[in-house]
Every structure is written in C-alpha cells, then in structure tokens.
Amino acid sequence: QVQLVESGGGLVQAGGSLRLSCAASGSIFSINPMGWYRQAPGKQRELVATISSGGSTNYADSVKGRFTISRDNAKNTVYLQMNSLKPEDTAVYYCYAALFPNDYWGQGTQVTVSS
C-alpha cells in the first residue's frame, strides 16, 4: 500500500515557476515509475512526466524544456519543477505511482496560471 500527498500548487502569473512535491509513504525505491498527470476542466487526465526507479524520464511534448521531474529516494519524494508556465498549464496535478500490480494516485493539487 502506498499513500501519496502532493503539495506546492498555487496561483502564478504566466512565465512564472512552481515546484510540486509528492511525498510517498514507505520506500519508493521499488515504485516504478512515479510521475505526474494533470486534468484541466472538461478534459481528460493526461501524462505530464514520469521517472523510473533508475532515473529515466519521459515528458509530454507540451512540457518538454519547461518542466523537470526528479526523485529523491532517500526522502521518498518526487518533484516537478515547472518553469515558463503558460495559462494552458492550468489544471489539477496528480502524483502517480506504480507498484505492481497496483496504481496509486494522490489527491491532486491545483495549479492556476494567469495571463
């Protein structure tokens, strides 16, 4: 069983930055992958970024070059550094963890980017 708690969302102007954190209960070393998804109003949940236990990363095309995902296994935490934010990045961001055979989700944190 894994519990995920996100933090770091908020309101920011376009061009600004935010850093999201996702703290996992227990050791995350075996969780593979971990990542972030987001869901905007009226849209489906979509992948933002994932990171494997070995540190390999994957990003949605829309965030490449602006967002960076990282994980600190010692702190059981995954981060999403978001730079050059755009209004279209506005969404609820969800932390995700895969620990076979189950998937786990956080409660979500709101990110709002004003123009």
C-alpha atoms as a PDB file:
ATOM      1  CA  GLN A   1       0.000   0.000   0.000  1.00  0.00           C
ATOM      2  CA  VAL A   2       1.281   3.454  -0.968  1.00  0.00           C
ATOM      3  CA  GLN A   3      -0.099   6.830   0.046  1.00  0.00           C
ATOM      4  CA  LEU A   4       0.824   9.935  -1.926  1.00  0.00           C
ATOM      5  CA  VAL A   5       0.490  13.518  -0.710  1.00  0.00           C
ATOM      6  CA  GLU A   6       1.059  16.399  -3.128  1.00  0.00           C
ATOM      7  CA  SER A   7       1.966  19.968  -2.262  1.00  0.00           C
ATOM      8  CA  GLY A   8       3.219  23.100  -3.960  1.00  0.00           C
ATOM      9  CA  GLY A   9       0.352  24.105  -6.192  1.00  0.00           C
ATOM     10  CA  GLY A  10      -0.979  27.632  -6.355  1.00  0.00           C
ATOM     11  CA  LEU A  11      -1.596  30.688  -8.481  1.00  0.00           C
ATOM     12  CA  VAL A  12       1.192  32.105 -10.613  1.00  0.00           C
ATOM     13  CA  GLN A  13       1.460  34.536 -13.498  1.00  0.00           C
ATOM     14  CA  ALA A  14       2.388  33.351 -16.957  1.00  0.00           C
ATOM     15  CA  GLY A  15       6.137  32.946 -17.237  1.00  0.00           C
ATOM     16  CA  GLY A  16       6.474  32.115 -13.561  1.00  0.00           C
ATOM     17  CA  SER A  17       7.590  28.947 -11.806  1.00  0.00           C
ATOM     18  CA  LEU A  18       6.245  26.456  -9.305  1.00  0.00           C
ATOM     19  CA  ARG A  19       7.626  23.284  -7.784  1.00  0.00           C
ATOM     20  CA  LEU A  20       5.317  20.433  -6.920  1.00  0.00           C
ATOM     21  CA  SER A  21       6.259  17.788  -4.370  1.00  0.00           C
ATOM     22  CA  CYS A  22       4.816  14.325  -3.860  1.00  0.00           C
ATOM     23  CA  ALA A  23       5.661  12.568  -0.624  1.00  0.00           C
ATOM     24  CA  ALA A  24       5.101   8.823  -0.573  1.00  0.00           C
ATOM     25  CA  SER A  25       4.525   6.720   2.486  1.00  0.00           C
ATOM     26  CA  GLY A  26       7.081   3.961   2.710  1.00  0.00           C
ATOM     27  CA  SER A  27      10.050   3.405   0.473  1.00  0.00           C
ATOM     28  CA  ILE A  28       9.656   4.496  -3.128  1.00  0.00           C
ATOM     29  CA  PHE A  29      12.696   2.621  -4.353  1.00  0.00           C
ATOM     30  CA  SER A  30      10.553  -0.193  -5.705  1.00  0.00           C
ATOM     31  CA  ILE A  31       7.955   2.084  -7.239  1.00  0.00           C
ATOM     32  CA  ASN A  32       8.449   2.186 -10.970  1.00  0.00           C
ATOM     33  CA  PRO A  33       7.596   4.531 -12.420  1.00  0.00           C
ATOM     34  CA  MET A  34       6.444   7.570 -10.498  1.00  0.00           C
ATOM     35  CA  GLY A  35       5.099  10.594 -12.233  1.00  0.00           C
ATOM     36  CA  TRP A  36       2.703  13.455 -12.653  1.00  0.00           C
ATOM     37  CA  TYR A  37      -0.529  13.695 -14.578  1.00  0.00           C
ATOM     38  CA  ARG A  38      -2.857  16.643 -14.922  1.00  0.00           C
ATOM     39  CA  GLN A  39      -6.511  17.247 -15.671  1.00  0.00           C
ATOM     40  CA  ALA A  40      -7.933  20.525 -16.883  1.00  0.00           C
ATOM     41  CA  PRO A  41     -11.655  21.306 -16.664  1.00  0.00           C
ATOM     42  CA  GLY A  42     -13.593  19.431 -19.320  1.00  0.00           C
ATOM     43  CA  LYS A  43     -10.543  17.480 -20.449  1.00  0.00           C
ATOM     44  CA  GLN A  44      -9.189  14.003 -19.872  1.00  0.00           C
ATOM     45  CA  ARG A  45      -6.347  13.340 -17.475  1.00  0.00           C
ATOM     46  CA  GLU A  46      -3.061  13.450 -19.349  1.00  0.00           C
ATOM     47  CA  LEU A  47       0.525  12.456 -18.732  1.00  0.00           C
ATOM     48  CA  VAL A  48       2.903  15.253 -17.765  1.00  0.00           C
ATOM     49  CA  ALA A  49       6.095  13.400 -16.843  1.00  0.00           C
ATOM     50  CA  THR A  50       7.323  10.117 -15.408  1.00  0.00           C
ATOM     51  CA  ILE A  51      10.571   8.946 -13.869  1.00  0.00           C
ATOM     52  CA  SER A  52      11.761   5.375 -13.458  1.00  0.00           C
ATOM     53  CA  SER A  53      13.494   3.934 -10.422  1.00  0.00           C
ATOM     54  CA  GLY A  54      16.718   4.247 -12.382  1.00  0.00           C
ATOM     55  CA  GLY A  55      16.107   7.899 -13.140  1.00  0.00           C
ATOM     56  CA  SER A  56      14.980   7.667 -16.760  1.00  0.00           C
ATOM     57  CA  THR A  57      12.479  10.395 -17.571  1.00  0.00           C
ATOM     58  CA  ASN A  58       9.647  10.865 -20.022  1.00  0.00           C
ATOM     59  CA  TYR A  59       7.789  14.093 -20.767  1.00  0.00           C
ATOM     60  CA  ALA A  60       4.730  15.186 -22.653  1.00  0.00           C
ATOM     61  CA  ASP A  61       5.689  17.213 -25.720  1.00  0.00           C
ATOM     62  CA  SER A  62       3.804  20.202 -24.346  1.00  0.00           C
ATOM     63  CA  VAL A  63       6.095  20.497 -21.311  1.00  0.00           C
ATOM     64  CA  LYS A  64       9.471  19.442 -22.712  1.00  0.00           C
ATOM     65  CA  GLY A  65      12.124  22.025 -21.998  1.00  0.00           C
ATOM     66  CA  ARG A  66       9.999  23.725 -19.342  1.00  0.00           C
ATOM     67  CA  PHE A  67       9.281  21.050 -16.724  1.00  0.00           C
ATOM     68  CA  THR A  68      11.745  18.804 -14.908  1.00  0.00           C
ATOM     69  CA  ILE A  69      10.846  15.710 -12.912  1.00  0.00           C
ATOM     70  CA  SER A  70      13.160  14.306 -10.262  1.00  0.00           C
ATOM     71  CA  ARG A  71      13.006  11.859  -7.391  1.00  0.00           C
ATOM     72  CA  ASP A  72      14.779  11.608  -4.057  1.00  0.00           C
ATOM     73  CA  ASN A  73      14.557   8.016  -2.901  1.00  0.00           C
ATOM     74  CA  ALA A  74      16.069   8.889   0.483  1.00  0.00           C
ATOM     75  CA  LYS A  75      13.213  11.336   1.127  1.00  0.00           C
ATOM     76  CA  ASN A  76      10.554   9.217  -0.574  1.00  0.00           C
ATOM     77  CA  THR A  77       9.662  12.260  -2.653  1.00  0.00           C
ATOM     78  CA  VAL A  78       9.141  13.096  -6.303  1.00  0.00           C
ATOM     79  CA  TYR A  79       9.320  16.659  -7.570  1.00  0.00           C
ATOM     80  CA  LEU A  80       8.063  18.519 -10.612  1.00  0.00           C
ATOM     81  CA  GLN A  81       9.835  21.789 -11.319  1.00  0.00           C
ATOM     82  CA  MET A  82       7.673  23.862 -13.641  1.00  0.00           C
ATOM     83  CA  ASN A  83       9.195  26.886 -15.366  1.00  0.00           C
ATOM     84  CA  SER A  84       7.899  29.259 -18.028  1.00  0.00           C
ATOM     85  CA  LEU A  85       4.356  28.399 -17.061  1.00  0.00           C
ATOM     86  CA  LYS A  86       1.561  29.100 -19.518  1.00  0.00           C
ATOM     87  CA  PRO A  87      -2.186  29.582 -18.970  1.00  0.00           C
ATOM     88  CA  GLU A  88      -2.751  26.246 -20.709  1.00  0.00           C
ATOM     89  CA  ASP A  89      -0.823  24.548 -17.891  1.00  0.00           C
ATOM     90  CA  THR A  90      -3.732  25.345 -15.580  1.00  0.00           C
ATOM     91  CA  ALA A  91      -5.052  22.049 -14.186  1.00  0.00           C
ATOM     92  CA  VAL A  92      -5.230  19.796 -11.172  1.00  0.00           C
ATOM     93  CA  TYR A  93      -1.933  17.941 -10.982  1.00  0.00           C
ATOM     94  CA  TYR A  94      -1.922  14.382  -9.665  1.00  0.00           C
ATOM     95  CA  CYS A  95       1.013  12.367  -8.407  1.00  0.00           C
ATOM     96  CA  TYR A  96       1.105   8.785  -9.699  1.00  0.00           C
ATOM     97  CA  ALA A  97       2.951   5.700  -8.534  1.00  0.00           C
ATOM     98  CA  ALA A  98       3.054   2.219  -9.998  1.00  0.00           C
ATOM     99  CA  LEU A  99       3.841  -0.602  -7.597  1.00  0.00           C
ATOM    100  CA  PHE A 100       2.949  -3.822  -9.350  1.00  0.00           C
ATOM    101  CA  PRO A 101       0.191  -4.852  -9.587  1.00  0.00           C
ATOM    102  CA  ASN A 102      -1.426  -1.633  -8.380  1.00  0.00           C
ATOM    103  CA  ASP A 103      -1.512   2.021  -9.404  1.00  0.00           C
ATOM    104  CA  TYR A 104      -1.747   4.765  -6.791  1.00  0.00           C
ATOM    105  CA  TRP A 105      -2.851   8.390  -7.058  1.00  0.00           C
ATOM    106  CA  GLY A 106      -2.555  11.435  -4.854  1.00  0.00           C
ATOM    107  CA  GLN A 107      -5.465  13.731  -4.068  1.00  0.00           C
ATOM    108  CA  GLY A 108      -4.341  16.371  -6.550  1.00  0.00           C
ATOM    109  CA  THR A 109      -3.079  19.924  -6.247  1.00  0.00           C
ATOM    110  CA  GLN A 110      -4.421  22.887  -8.208  1.00  0.00           C
ATOM    111  CA  VAL A 111      -2.112  24.890 -10.445  1.00  0.00           C
ATOM    112  CA  THR A 112      -3.537  28.073 -11.922  1.00  0.00           C
ATOM    113  CA  VAL A 113      -1.572  30.207 -14.370  1.00  0.00           C
ATOM    114  CA  SER A 114      -2.958  33.662 -15.070  1.00  0.00           C
ATOM    115  CA  SER A 115      -2.305  35.514 -18.306  1.00  0.00           C
END
